[in-house]
Amino acid sequence: MPTILIVDDSPTELYACQKILEKHGYTVESASDGESSLERAQQVKPDLILMDVVMPGMNGFQATRQLNKNADTAKIPVIIITTKDQETDRVWGLRQGARDYIVKPVKENDLISRVQSVLGS
């Protein structure tokens, strides 16, 4: 099954997404901030990254941009999952290279259908 890297500074959000994904057979890795997400993506080479935006230090928009600039991680699709629900935020996230943008709270069916859509499964 595909490996998904979840990047979120909230242990509660991380746990909730992890349980949903594992229930559907995905392997889950995690990172708690933007900086560590860059390292984990290089180490793990996940099939997909779920990226929060509001985190201490490097935010999710910055991390997504860095992932897309790096030849080793540029092909890993990113779905932004955030509480930032303005259209300008969505547009900005997609401009940074994200493939999709989901507003929290995430519903299980919506998350799985979007993950499957991006992974092409």
PDB file of N, CA and C in Angstrom:
ATOM      1  N   MET A   1       0.841  -1.204   0.000  1.00  0.00           N
ATOM      2  CA  MET A   1       0.000   0.000   0.000  1.00  0.00           C
ATOM      3  C   MET A   1       0.877   1.255   0.000  1.00  0.00           C
ATOM      4  N   PRO A   2       0.340   2.344  -0.500  1.00  0.00           N
ATOM      5  CA  PRO A   2       1.099   3.597  -0.529  1.00  0.00           C
ATOM      6  C   PRO A   2       1.430   4.114   0.877  1.00  0.00           C
ATOM      7  N   THR A   3       2.535   4.837   0.957  1.00  0.00           N
ATOM      8  CA  THR A   3       2.949   5.481   2.202  1.00  0.00           C
ATOM      9  C   THR A   3       2.588   6.954   2.129  1.00  0.00           C
ATOM     10  N   ILE A   4       1.972   7.446   3.214  1.00  0.00           N
ATOM     11  CA  ILE A   4       1.554   8.843   3.284  1.00  0.00           C
ATOM     12  C   ILE A   4       2.243   9.503   4.471  1.00  0.00           C
ATOM     13  N   LEU A   5       2.868  10.646   4.217  1.00  0.00           N
ATOM     14  CA  LEU A   5       3.503  11.443   5.263  1.00  0.00           C
ATOM     15  C   LEU A   5       2.519  12.518   5.693  1.00  0.00           C
ATOM     16  N   ILE A   6       2.144  12.498   6.979  1.00  0.00           N
ATOM     17  CA  ILE A   6       1.263  13.528   7.529  1.00  0.00           C
ATOM     18  C   ILE A   6       2.134  14.545   8.258  1.00  0.00           C
ATOM     19  N   VAL A   7       1.953  15.828   7.930  1.00  0.00           N
ATOM     20  CA  VAL A   7       2.709  16.894   8.576  1.00  0.00           C
ATOM     21  C   VAL A   7       1.715  17.790   9.310  1.00  0.00           C
ATOM     22  N   ASP A   8       1.767  17.750  10.651  1.00  0.00           N
ATOM     23  CA  ASP A   8       0.844  18.551  11.459  1.00  0.00           C
ATOM     24  C   ASP A   8       1.440  18.719  12.846  1.00  0.00           C
ATOM     25  N   ASP A   9       1.353  19.923  13.398  1.00  0.00           N
ATOM     26  CA  ASP A   9       1.890  20.167  14.734  1.00  0.00           C
ATOM     27  C   ASP A   9       0.892  19.807  15.831  1.00  0.00           C
ATOM     28  N   SER A  10      -0.329  19.446  15.465  1.00  0.00           N
ATOM     29  CA  SER A  10      -1.344  19.047  16.435  1.00  0.00           C
ATOM     30  C   SER A  10      -1.368  17.522  16.562  1.00  0.00           C
ATOM     31  N   PRO A  11      -0.986  16.993  17.728  1.00  0.00           N
ATOM     32  CA  PRO A  11      -1.022  15.535  17.911  1.00  0.00           C
ATOM     33  C   PRO A  11      -2.423  14.960  17.685  1.00  0.00           C
ATOM     34  N   THR A  12      -3.452  15.728  18.035  1.00  0.00           N
ATOM     35  CA  THR A  12      -4.835  15.268  17.862  1.00  0.00           C
ATOM     36  C   THR A  12      -5.178  15.122  16.386  1.00  0.00           C
ATOM     37  N   GLU A  13      -4.856  16.136  15.585  1.00  0.00           N
ATOM     38  CA  GLU A  13      -5.123  16.085  14.141  1.00  0.00           C
ATOM     39  C   GLU A  13      -4.306  14.973  13.478  1.00  0.00           C
ATOM     40  N   LEU A  14      -3.064  14.859  13.896  1.00  0.00           N
ATOM     41  CA  LEU A  14      -2.183  13.842  13.340  1.00  0.00           C
ATOM     42  C   LEU A  14      -2.760  12.445  13.599  1.00  0.00           C
ATOM     43  N   TYR A  15      -3.178  12.227  14.830  1.00  0.00           N
ATOM     44  CA  TYR A  15      -3.739  10.933  15.225  1.00  0.00           C
ATOM     45  C   TYR A  15      -5.023  10.634  14.446  1.00  0.00           C
ATOM     46  N   ALA A  16      -5.882  11.633  14.311  1.00  0.00           N
ATOM     47  CA  ALA A  16      -7.163  11.433  13.616  1.00  0.00           C
ATOM     48  C   ALA A  16      -6.925  11.045  12.151  1.00  0.00           C
ATOM     49  N   CYS A  17      -6.058  11.768  11.467  1.00  0.00           N
ATOM     50  CA  CYS A  17      -5.756  11.448  10.061  1.00  0.00           C
ATOM     51  C   CYS A  17      -5.084  10.085   9.946  1.00  0.00           C
ATOM     52  N   GLN A  18      -4.159   9.807  10.871  1.00  0.00           N
ATOM     53  CA  GLN A  18      -3.442   8.527  10.843  1.00  0.00           C
ATOM     54  C   GLN A  18      -4.416   7.362  10.958  1.00  0.00           C
ATOM     55  N   LYS A  19      -5.359   7.446  11.882  1.00  0.00           N
ATOM     56  CA  LYS A  19      -6.327   6.354  12.092  1.00  0.00           C
ATOM     57  C   LYS A  19      -7.183   6.138  10.839  1.00  0.00           C
ATOM     58  N   ILE A  20      -7.641   7.228  10.230  1.00  0.00           N
ATOM     59  CA  ILE A  20      -8.455   7.120   9.009  1.00  0.00           C
ATOM     60  C   ILE A  20      -7.653   6.426   7.912  1.00  0.00           C
ATOM     61  N   LEU A  21      -6.426   6.880   7.698  1.00  0.00           N
ATOM     62  CA  LEU A  21      -5.604   6.326   6.612  1.00  0.00           C
ATOM     63  C   LEU A  21      -5.235   4.870   6.861  1.00  0.00           C
ATOM     64  N   GLU A  22      -4.858   4.545   8.093  1.00  0.00           N
ATOM     65  CA  GLU A  22      -4.502   3.155   8.416  1.00  0.00           C
ATOM     66  C   GLU A  22      -5.706   2.227   8.264  1.00  0.00           C
ATOM     67  N   LYS A  23      -6.875   2.727   8.619  1.00  0.00           N
ATOM     68  CA  LYS A  23      -8.116   1.947   8.468  1.00  0.00           C
ATOM     69  C   LYS A  23      -8.332   1.562   7.002  1.00  0.00           C
ATOM     70  N   HIS A  24      -7.875   2.417   6.098  1.00  0.00           N
ATOM     71  CA  HIS A  24      -8.036   2.167   4.666  1.00  0.00           C
ATOM     72  C   HIS A  24      -6.798   1.533   4.042  1.00  0.00           C
ATOM     73  N   GLY A  25      -5.879   1.058   4.899  1.00  0.00           N
ATOM     74  CA  GLY A  25      -4.753   0.270   4.428  1.00  0.00           C
ATOM     75  C   GLY A  25      -3.491   1.028   4.056  1.00  0.00           C
ATOM     76  N   TYR A  26      -3.443   2.331   4.334  1.00  0.00           N
ATOM     77  CA  TYR A  26      -2.250   3.104   3.999  1.00  0.00           C
ATOM     78  C   TYR A  26      -1.202   2.985   5.105  1.00  0.00           C
ATOM     79  N   THR A  27       0.059   3.068   4.731  1.00  0.00           N
ATOM     80  CA  THR A  27       1.156   3.156   5.683  1.00  0.00           C
ATOM     81  C   THR A  27       1.353   4.633   5.980  1.00  0.00           C
ATOM     82  N   VAL A  28       1.502   4.983   7.262  1.00  0.00           N
ATOM     83  CA  VAL A  28       1.570   6.387   7.655  1.00  0.00           C
ATOM     84  C   VAL A  28       2.890   6.705   8.358  1.00  0.00           C
ATOM     85  N   GLU A  29       3.498   7.790   7.932  1.00  0.00           N
ATOM     86  CA  GLU A  29       4.658   8.383   8.597  1.00  0.00           C
ATOM     87  C   GLU A  29       4.224   9.773   9.030  1.00  0.00           C
ATOM     88  N   SER A  30       4.985  10.399   9.946  1.00  0.00           N
ATOM     89  CA  SER A  30       4.565  11.732  10.391  1.00  0.00           C
ATOM     90  C   SER A  30       5.748  12.652  10.640  1.00  0.00           C
ATOM     91  N   ALA A  31       5.441  13.946  10.611  1.00  0.00           N
ATOM     92  CA  ALA A  31       6.379  15.017  10.964  1.00  0.00           C
ATOM     93  C   ALA A  31       5.553  16.103  11.647  1.00  0.00           C
ATOM     94  N   SER A  32       6.169  16.797  12.595  1.00  0.00           N
ATOM     95  CA  SER A  32       5.406  17.762  13.387  1.00  0.00           C
ATOM     96  C   SER A  32       5.610  19.222  12.987  1.00  0.00           C
ATOM     97  N   ASP A  33       6.449  19.466  11.975  1.00  0.00           N
ATOM     98  CA  ASP A  33       6.633  20.841  11.506  1.00  0.00           C
ATOM     99  C   ASP A  33       7.191  20.833  10.088  1.00  0.00           C
ATOM    100  N   GLY A  34       7.224  22.025   9.503  1.00  0.00           N
ATOM    101  CA  GLY A  34       7.676  22.149   8.121  1.00  0.00           C
ATOM    102  C   GLY A  34       9.102  21.699   7.895  1.00  0.00           C
ATOM    103  N   GLU A  35      10.010  22.090   8.794  1.00  0.00           N
ATOM    104  CA  GLU A  35      11.415  21.731   8.634  1.00  0.00           C
ATOM    105  C   GLU A  35      11.601  20.215   8.627  1.00  0.00           C
ATOM    106  N   SER A  36      11.008  19.550   9.614  1.00  0.00           N
ATOM    107  CA  SER A  36      11.196  18.096   9.692  1.00  0.00           C
ATOM    108  C   SER A  36      10.478  17.374   8.552  1.00  0.00           C
ATOM    109  N   SER A  37       9.458  18.012   7.969  1.00  0.00           N
ATOM    110  CA  SER A  37       8.770  17.372   6.844  1.00  0.00           C
ATOM    111  C   SER A  37       9.705  17.242   5.641  1.00  0.00           C
ATOM    112  N   LEU A  38      10.594  18.221   5.466  1.00  0.00           N
ATOM    113  CA  LEU A  38      11.540  18.166   4.353  1.00  0.00           C
ATOM    114  C   LEU A  38      12.496  16.983   4.529  1.00  0.00           C
ATOM    115  N   GLU A  39      12.976  16.784   5.755  1.00  0.00           N
ATOM    116  CA  GLU A  39      13.878  15.666   6.055  1.00  0.00           C
ATOM    117  C   GLU A  39      13.167  14.328   5.904  1.00  0.00           C
ATOM    118  N   ARG A  40      11.953  14.233   6.478  1.00  0.00           N
ATOM    119  CA  ARG A  40      11.203  12.969   6.423  1.00  0.00           C
ATOM    120  C   ARG A  40      10.862  12.601   4.978  1.00  0.00           C
ATOM    121  N   ALA A  41      10.517  13.595   4.175  1.00  0.00           N
ATOM    122  CA  ALA A  41      10.190  13.320   2.770  1.00  0.00           C
ATOM    123  C   ALA A  41      11.405  12.756   2.042  1.00  0.00           C
ATOM    124  N   GLN A  42      12.588  13.276   2.348  1.00  0.00           N
ATOM    125  CA  GLN A  42      13.821  12.768   1.729  1.00  0.00           C
ATOM    126  C   GLN A  42      14.104  11.333   2.178  1.00  0.00           C
ATOM    127  N   GLN A  43      13.899  11.055   3.473  1.00  0.00           N
ATOM    128  CA  GLN A  43      14.190   9.733   4.032  1.00  0.00           C
ATOM    129  C   GLN A  43      13.188   8.680   3.571  1.00  0.00           C
ATOM    130  N   VAL A  44      11.911   9.006   3.697  1.00  0.00           N
ATOM    131  CA  VAL A  44      10.837   8.033   3.491  1.00  0.00           C
ATOM    132  C   VAL A  44      10.427   7.902   2.028  1.00  0.00           C
ATOM    133  N   LYS A  45      10.530   8.980   1.262  1.00  0.00           N
ATOM    134  CA  LYS A  45      10.039   9.019  -0.120  1.00  0.00           C
ATOM    135  C   LYS A  45       8.569   8.555  -0.175  1.00  0.00           C
ATOM    136  N   PRO A  46       7.699   9.275   0.544  1.00  0.00           N
ATOM    137  CA  PRO A  46       6.294   8.862   0.574  1.00  0.00           C
ATOM    138  C   PRO A  46       5.628   9.013  -0.793  1.00  0.00           C
ATOM    139  N   ASP A  47       4.500   8.346  -0.949  1.00  0.00           N
ATOM    140  CA  ASP A  47       3.725   8.446  -2.186  1.00  0.00           C
ATOM    141  C   ASP A  47       2.884   9.722  -2.200  1.00  0.00           C
ATOM    142  N   LEU A  48       2.640  10.288  -1.002  1.00  0.00           N
ATOM    143  CA  LEU A  48       1.795  11.465  -0.852  1.00  0.00           C
ATOM    144  C   LEU A  48       2.129  12.144   0.469  1.00  0.00           C
ATOM    145  N   ILE A  49       1.985  13.471   0.511  1.00  0.00           N
ATOM    146  CA  ILE A  49       2.171  14.230   1.752  1.00  0.00           C
ATOM    147  C   ILE A  49       0.896  15.003   2.039  1.00  0.00           C
ATOM    148  N   LEU A  50       0.397  14.877   3.282  1.00  0.00           N
ATOM    149  CA  LEU A  50      -0.719  15.691   3.760  1.00  0.00           C
ATOM    150  C   LEU A  50      -0.106  16.779   4.630  1.00  0.00           C
ATOM    151  N   MET A  51      -0.246  18.036   4.233  1.00  0.00           N
ATOM    152  CA  MET A  51       0.488  19.151   4.839  1.00  0.00           C
ATOM    153  C   MET A  51      -0.432  20.157   5.514  1.00  0.00           C
ATOM    154  N   ASP A  52      -0.255  20.339   6.823  1.00  0.00           N
ATOM    155  CA  ASP A  52      -0.923  21.421   7.540  1.00  0.00           C
ATOM    156  C   ASP A  52      -0.262  22.734   7.119  1.00  0.00           C
ATOM    157  N   VAL A  53      -0.925  23.862   7.338  1.00  0.00           N
ATOM    158  CA  VAL A  53      -0.335  25.151   6.985  1.00  0.00           C
ATOM    159  C   VAL A  53       0.201  25.867   8.222  1.00  0.00           C
ATOM    160  N   VAL A  54      -0.642  26.007   9.249  1.00  0.00           N
ATOM    161  CA  VAL A  54      -0.277  26.799  10.416  1.00  0.00           C
ATOM    162  C   VAL A  54       0.543  25.942  11.379  1.00  0.00           C
ATOM    163  N   MET A  55       1.874  26.158  11.335  1.00  0.00           N
ATOM    164  CA  MET A  55       2.801  25.434  12.206  1.00  0.00           C
ATOM    165  C   MET A  55       3.904  26.391  12.622  1.00  0.00           C
ATOM    166  N   PRO A  56       4.548  26.118  13.758  1.00  0.00           N
ATOM    167  CA  PRO A  56       5.663  26.983  14.163  1.00  0.00           C
ATOM    168  C   PRO A  56       6.831  26.853  13.188  1.00  0.00           C
ATOM    169  N   GLY A  57       7.606  27.916  13.049  1.00  0.00           N
ATOM    170  CA  GLY A  57       8.745  27.886  12.125  1.00  0.00           C
ATOM    171  C   GLY A  57       8.252  27.956  10.695  1.00  0.00           C
ATOM    172  N   MET A  58       8.731  27.041   9.882  1.00  0.00           N
ATOM    173  CA  MET A  58       8.337  26.985   8.473  1.00  0.00           C
ATOM    174  C   MET A  58       6.880  26.536   8.354  1.00  0.00           C
ATOM    175  N   ASN A  59       6.042  27.349   7.716  1.00  0.00           N
ATOM    176  CA  ASN A  59       4.640  26.943   7.573  1.00  0.00           C
ATOM    177  C   ASN A  59       4.473  25.971   6.397  1.00  0.00           C
ATOM    178  N   GLY A  60       3.284  25.454   6.256  1.00  0.00           N
ATOM    179  CA  GLY A  60       3.014  24.450   5.226  1.00  0.00           C
ATOM    180  C   GLY A  60       3.153  24.963   3.800  1.00  0.00           C
ATOM    181  N   PHE A  61       2.830  26.230   3.575  1.00  0.00           N
ATOM    182  CA  PHE A  61       3.022  26.804   2.242  1.00  0.00           C
ATOM    183  C   PHE A  61       4.510  26.823   1.883  1.00  0.00           C
ATOM    184  N   GLN A  62       5.333  27.270   2.840  1.00  0.00           N
ATOM    185  CA  GLN A  62       6.785  27.325   2.613  1.00  0.00           C
ATOM    186  C   GLN A  62       7.358  25.926   2.402  1.00  0.00           C
ATOM    187  N   ALA A  63       6.920  24.974   3.222  1.00  0.00           N
ATOM    188  CA  ALA A  63       7.422  23.601   3.105  1.00  0.00           C
ATOM    189  C   ALA A  63       7.027  22.996   1.759  1.00  0.00           C
ATOM    190  N   THR A  64       5.804  23.241   1.325  1.00  0.00           N
ATOM    191  CA  THR A  64       5.340  22.723   0.035  1.00  0.00           C
ATOM    192  C   THR A  64       6.184  23.296  -1.099  1.00  0.00           C
ATOM    193  N   ARG A  65       6.464  24.586  -1.024  1.00  0.00           N
ATOM    194  CA  ARG A  65       7.294  25.234  -2.037  1.00  0.00           C
ATOM    195  C   ARG A  65       8.698  24.609  -2.061  1.00  0.00           C
ATOM    196  N   GLN A  66       9.283  24.372  -0.878  1.00  0.00           N
ATOM    197  CA  GLN A  66      10.619  23.770  -0.802  1.00  0.00           C
ATOM    198  C   GLN A  66      10.621  22.341  -1.350  1.00  0.00           C
ATOM    199  N   LEU A  67       9.588  21.583  -1.027  1.00  0.00           N
ATOM    200  CA  LEU A  67       9.489  20.210  -1.542  1.00  0.00           C
ATOM    201  C   LEU A  67       9.447  20.206  -3.062  1.00  0.00           C
ATOM    202  N   ASN A  68       8.713  21.153  -3.635  1.00  0.00           N
ATOM    203  CA  ASN A  68       8.583  21.219  -5.091  1.00  0.00           C
ATOM    204  C   ASN A  68       9.840  21.731  -5.785  1.00  0.00           C
ATOM    205  N   LYS A  69      10.684  22.460  -5.071  1.00  0.00           N
ATOM    206  CA  LYS A  69      11.935  22.963  -5.637  1.00  0.00           C
ATOM    207  C   LYS A  69      13.046  21.915  -5.618  1.00  0.00           C
ATOM    208  N   ASN A  70      12.923  20.933  -4.723  1.00  0.00           N
ATOM    209  CA  ASN A  70      13.965  19.919  -4.554  1.00  0.00           C
ATOM    210  C   ASN A  70      13.731  18.766  -5.534  1.00  0.00           C
ATOM    211  N   ALA A  71      14.730  18.462  -6.341  1.00  0.00           N
ATOM    212  CA  ALA A  71      14.597  17.402  -7.355  1.00  0.00           C
ATOM    213  C   ALA A  71      14.238  16.047  -6.731  1.00  0.00           C
ATOM    214  N   ASP A  72      14.699  15.784  -5.504  1.00  0.00           N
ATOM    215  CA  ASP A  72      14.423  14.498  -4.853  1.00  0.00           C
ATOM    216  C   ASP A  72      12.975  14.358  -4.386  1.00  0.00           C
ATOM    217  N   THR A  73      12.300  15.480  -4.151  1.00  0.00           N
ATOM    218  CA  THR A  73      10.940  15.423  -3.603  1.00  0.00           C
ATOM    219  C   THR A  73       9.897  16.099  -4.492  1.00  0.00           C
ATOM    220  N   ALA A  74      10.304  16.667  -5.598  1.00  0.00           N
ATOM    221  CA  ALA A  74       9.394  17.448  -6.449  1.00  0.00           C
ATOM    222  C   ALA A  74       8.230  16.629  -7.004  1.00  0.00           C
ATOM    223  N   LYS A  75       8.432  15.340  -7.188  1.00  0.00           N
ATOM    224  CA  LYS A  75       7.376  14.511  -7.771  1.00  0.00           C
ATOM    225  C   LYS A  75       6.386  13.958  -6.731  1.00  0.00           C
ATOM    226  N   ILE A  76       6.644  14.213  -5.438  1.00  0.00           N
ATOM    227  CA  ILE A  76       5.738  13.741  -4.389  1.00  0.00           C
ATOM    228  C   ILE A  76       4.547  14.704  -4.310  1.00  0.00           C
ATOM    229  N   PRO A  77       3.339  14.218  -4.558  1.00  0.00           N
ATOM    230  CA  PRO A  77       2.180  15.117  -4.486  1.00  0.00           C
ATOM    231  C   PRO A  77       1.885  15.548  -3.048  1.00  0.00           C
ATOM    232  N   VAL A  78       1.405  16.775  -2.907  1.00  0.00           N
ATOM    233  CA  VAL A  78       1.056  17.342  -1.602  1.00  0.00           C
ATOM    234  C   VAL A  78      -0.415  17.732  -1.615  1.00  0.00           C
ATOM    235  N   ILE A  79      -1.128  17.344  -0.563  1.00  0.00           N
ATOM    236  CA  ILE A  79      -2.481  17.840  -0.317  1.00  0.00           C
ATOM    237  C   ILE A  79      -2.394  18.681   0.951  1.00  0.00           C
ATOM    238  N   ILE A  80      -2.796  19.935   0.855  1.00  0.00           N
ATOM    239  CA  ILE A  80      -2.812  20.799   2.032  1.00  0.00           C
ATOM    240  C   ILE A  80      -4.104  20.548   2.795  1.00  0.00           C
ATOM    241  N   ILE A  81      -3.958  20.358   4.116  1.00  0.00           N
ATOM    242  CA  ILE A  81      -5.115  20.191   5.003  1.00  0.00           C
ATOM    243  C   ILE A  81      -4.979  21.234   6.094  1.00  0.00           C
ATOM    244  N   THR A  82      -5.924  22.181   6.141  1.00  0.00           N
ATOM    245  CA  THR A  82      -5.764  23.337   7.026  1.00  0.00           C
ATOM    246  C   THR A  82      -7.102  23.902   7.477  1.00  0.00           C
ATOM    247  N   THR A  83      -7.034  24.745   8.503  1.00  0.00           N
ATOM    248  CA  THR A  83      -8.217  25.482   8.949  1.00  0.00           C
ATOM    249  C   THR A  83      -8.388  26.764   8.138  1.00  0.00           C
ATOM    250  N   LYS A  84      -7.381  27.147   7.361  1.00  0.00           N
ATOM    251  CA  LYS A  84      -7.439  28.372   6.558  1.00  0.00           C
ATOM    252  C   LYS A  84      -8.393  28.146   5.384  1.00  0.00           C
ATOM    253  N   ASP A  85      -9.587  28.734   5.489  1.00  0.00           N
ATOM    254  CA  ASP A  85     -10.643  28.410   4.529  1.00  0.00           C
ATOM    255  C   ASP A  85     -10.962  29.516   3.526  1.00  0.00           C
ATOM    256  N   GLN A  86     -10.094  30.510   3.404  1.00  0.00           N
ATOM    257  CA  GLN A  86     -10.325  31.574   2.429  1.00  0.00           C
ATOM    258  C   GLN A  86      -9.907  31.118   1.034  1.00  0.00           C
ATOM    259  N   GLU A  87     -10.601  31.599   0.030  1.00  0.00           N
ATOM    260  CA  GLU A  87     -10.269  31.245  -1.351  1.00  0.00           C
ATOM    261  C   GLU A  87      -8.840  31.662  -1.702  1.00  0.00           C
ATOM    262  N   THR A  88      -8.399  32.806  -1.179  1.00  0.00           N
ATOM    263  CA  THR A  88      -7.028  33.253  -1.453  1.00  0.00           C
ATOM    264  C   THR A  88      -5.999  32.269  -0.889  1.00  0.00           C
ATOM    265  N   ASP A  89      -6.304  31.670   0.271  1.00  0.00           N
ATOM    266  CA  ASP A  89      -5.406  30.661   0.850  1.00  0.00           C
ATOM    267  C   ASP A  89      -5.337  29.431  -0.050  1.00  0.00           C
ATOM    268  N   ARG A  90      -6.483  28.999  -0.536  1.00  0.00           N
ATOM    269  CA  ARG A  90      -6.540  27.834  -1.417  1.00  0.00           C
ATOM    270  C   ARG A  90      -5.726  28.083  -2.687  1.00  0.00           C
ATOM    271  N   VAL A  91      -5.951  29.230  -3.294  1.00  0.00           N
ATOM    272  CA  VAL A  91      -5.226  29.574  -4.519  1.00  0.00           C
ATOM    273  C   VAL A  91      -3.722  29.629  -4.243  1.00  0.00           C
ATOM    274  N   TRP A  92      -3.337  30.246  -3.125  1.00  0.00           N
ATOM    275  CA  TRP A  92      -1.914  30.353  -2.782  1.00  0.00           C
ATOM    276  C   TRP A  92      -1.310  28.964  -2.566  1.00  0.00           C
ATOM    277  N   GLY A  93      -2.034  28.098  -1.866  1.00  0.00           N
ATOM    278  CA  GLY A  93      -1.547  26.738  -1.629  1.00  0.00           C
ATOM    279  C   GLY A  93      -1.316  25.980  -2.926  1.00  0.00           C
ATOM    280  N   LEU A  94      -2.233  26.108  -3.862  1.00  0.00           N
ATOM    281  CA  LEU A  94      -2.091  25.432  -5.149  1.00  0.00           C
ATOM    282  C   LEU A  94      -0.939  26.038  -5.947  1.00  0.00           C
ATOM    283  N   ARG A  95      -0.727  27.343  -5.805  1.00  0.00           N
ATOM    284  CA  ARG A  95       0.401  27.987  -6.489  1.00  0.00           C
ATOM    285  C   ARG A  95       1.750  27.518  -5.947  1.00  0.00           C
ATOM    286  N   GLN A  96       1.776  27.075  -4.691  1.00  0.00           N
ATOM    287  CA  GLN A  96       3.023  26.582  -4.096  1.00  0.00           C
ATOM    288  C   GLN A  96       3.345  25.170  -4.574  1.00  0.00           C
ATOM    289  N   GLY A  97       2.386  24.556  -5.273  1.00  0.00           N
ATOM    290  CA  GLY A  97       2.623  23.228  -5.820  1.00  0.00           C
ATOM    291  C   GLY A  97       1.727  22.143  -5.268  1.00  0.00           C
ATOM    292  N   ALA A  98       0.819  22.487  -4.355  1.00  0.00           N
ATOM    293  CA  ALA A  98      -0.088  21.473  -3.816  1.00  0.00           C
ATOM    294  C   ALA A  98      -1.038  20.984  -4.912  1.00  0.00           C
ATOM    295  N   ARG A  99      -1.408  19.718  -4.842  1.00  0.00           N
ATOM    296  CA  ARG A  99      -2.328  19.134  -5.820  1.00  0.00           C
ATOM    297  C   ARG A  99      -3.787  19.320  -5.418  1.00  0.00           C
ATOM    298  N   ASP A 100      -4.019  19.467  -4.095  1.00  0.00           N
ATOM    299  CA  ASP A 100      -5.389  19.623  -3.616  1.00  0.00           C
ATOM    300  C   ASP A 100      -5.327  20.410  -2.310  1.00  0.00           C
ATOM    301  N   TYR A 101      -6.500  20.848  -1.843  1.00  0.00           N
ATOM    302  CA  TYR A 101      -6.589  21.699  -0.660  1.00  0.00           C
ATOM    303  C   TYR A 101      -7.860  21.305   0.081  1.00  0.00           C
ATOM    304  N   ILE A 102      -7.712  20.844   1.312  1.00  0.00           N
ATOM    305  CA  ILE A 102      -8.853  20.401   2.122  1.00  0.00           C
ATOM    306  C   ILE A 102      -8.923  21.269   3.378  1.00  0.00           C
ATOM    307  N   VAL A 103     -10.130  21.714   3.725  1.00  0.00           N
ATOM    308  CA  VAL A 103     -10.329  22.517   4.934  1.00  0.00           C
ATOM    309  C   VAL A 103     -10.759  21.606   6.077  1.00  0.00           C
ATOM    310  N   LYS A 104     -10.102  21.794   7.246  1.00  0.00           N
ATOM    311  CA  LYS A 104     -10.451  21.046   8.458  1.00  0.00           C
ATOM    312  C   LYS A 104     -11.759  21.583   9.014  1.00  0.00           C
ATOM    313  N   PRO A 105     -12.535  20.781   9.726  1.00  0.00           N
ATOM    314  CA  PRO A 105     -12.281  19.376  10.042  1.00  0.00           C
ATOM    315  C   PRO A 105     -12.515  18.480   8.820  1.00  0.00           C
ATOM    316  N   VAL A 106     -11.677  17.480   8.707  1.00  0.00           N
ATOM    317  CA  VAL A 106     -11.704  16.586   7.556  1.00  0.00           C
ATOM    318  C   VAL A 106     -12.701  15.452   7.798  1.00  0.00           C
ATOM    319  N   LYS A 107     -13.526  15.203   6.794  1.00  0.00           N
ATOM    320  CA  LYS A 107     -14.445  14.066   6.859  1.00  0.00           C
ATOM    321  C   LYS A 107     -13.757  12.861   6.218  1.00  0.00           C
ATOM    322  N   GLU A 108     -13.931  11.698   6.810  1.00  0.00           N
ATOM    323  CA  GLU A 108     -13.247  10.491   6.355  1.00  0.00           C
ATOM    324  C   GLU A 108     -13.439  10.228   4.869  1.00  0.00           C
ATOM    325  N   ASN A 109     -14.676  10.244   4.401  1.00  0.00           N
ATOM    326  CA  ASN A 109     -14.951   9.942   2.991  1.00  0.00           C
ATOM    327  C   ASN A 109     -14.286  10.940   2.055  1.00  0.00           C
ATOM    328  N   ASP A 110     -14.304  12.220   2.446  1.00  0.00           N
ATOM    329  CA  ASP A 110     -13.688  13.263   1.629  1.00  0.00           C
ATOM    330  C   ASP A 110     -12.171  13.064   1.566  1.00  0.00           C
ATOM    331  N   LEU A 111     -11.554  12.786   2.710  1.00  0.00           N
ATOM    332  CA  LEU A 111     -10.112  12.587   2.748  1.00  0.00           C
ATOM    333  C   LEU A 111      -9.703  11.400   1.880  1.00  0.00           C
ATOM    334  N   ILE A 112     -10.370  10.285   2.039  1.00  0.00           N
ATOM    335  CA  ILE A 112     -10.009   9.079   1.292  1.00  0.00           C
ATOM    336  C   ILE A 112     -10.233   9.274  -0.200  1.00  0.00           C
ATOM    337  N   SER A 113     -11.334   9.900  -0.585  1.00  0.00           N
ATOM    338  CA  SER A 113     -11.583  10.089  -2.016  1.00  0.00           C
ATOM    339  C   SER A 113     -10.545  11.019  -2.640  1.00  0.00           C
ATOM    340  N   ARG A 114     -10.136  12.038  -1.905  1.00  0.00           N
ATOM    341  CA  ARG A 114      -9.109  12.952  -2.447  1.00  0.00           C
ATOM    342  C   ARG A 114      -7.735  12.302  -2.506  1.00  0.00           C
ATOM    343  N   VAL A 115      -7.408  11.517  -1.479  1.00  0.00           N
ATOM    344  CA  VAL A 115      -6.139  10.781  -1.478  1.00  0.00           C
ATOM    345  C   VAL A 115      -6.110   9.832  -2.673  1.00  0.00           C
ATOM    346  N   GLN A 116      -7.192   9.087  -2.860  1.00  0.00           N
ATOM    347  CA  GLN A 116      -7.258   8.144  -3.986  1.00  0.00           C
ATOM    348  C   GLN A 116      -7.177   8.878  -5.316  1.00  0.00           C
ATOM    349  N   SER A 117      -7.815  10.032  -5.414  1.00  0.00           N
ATOM    350  CA  SER A 117      -7.781  10.805  -6.652  1.00  0.00           C
ATOM    351  C   SER A 117      -6.362  11.252  -6.989  1.00  0.00           C
ATOM    352  N   VAL A 118      -5.646  11.776  -5.994  1.00  0.00           N
ATOM    353  CA  VAL A 118      -4.278  12.256  -6.228  1.00  0.00           C
ATOM    354  C   VAL A 118      -3.332  11.096  -6.515  1.00  0.00           C
ATOM    355  N   LEU A 119      -3.534   9.976  -5.827  1.00  0.00           N
ATOM    356  CA  LEU A 119      -2.668   8.812  -6.045  1.00  0.00           C
ATOM    357  C   LEU A 119      -3.049   8.034  -7.303  1.00  0.00           C
ATOM    358  N   GLY A 120      -4.206   8.348  -7.855  1.00  0.00           N
ATOM    359  CA  GLY A 120      -4.646   7.661  -9.055  1.00  0.00           C
ATOM    360  C   GLY A 120      -5.089   6.229  -8.794  1.00  0.00           C
ATOM    361  N   SER A 121      -5.639   6.016  -7.563  1.00  0.00           N
ATOM    362  CA  SER A 121      -6.093   4.649  -7.251  1.00  0.00           C
ATOM    363  C   SER A 121      -7.583   4.590  -7.012  1.00  0.00           C
TER     364      SER A 121
END
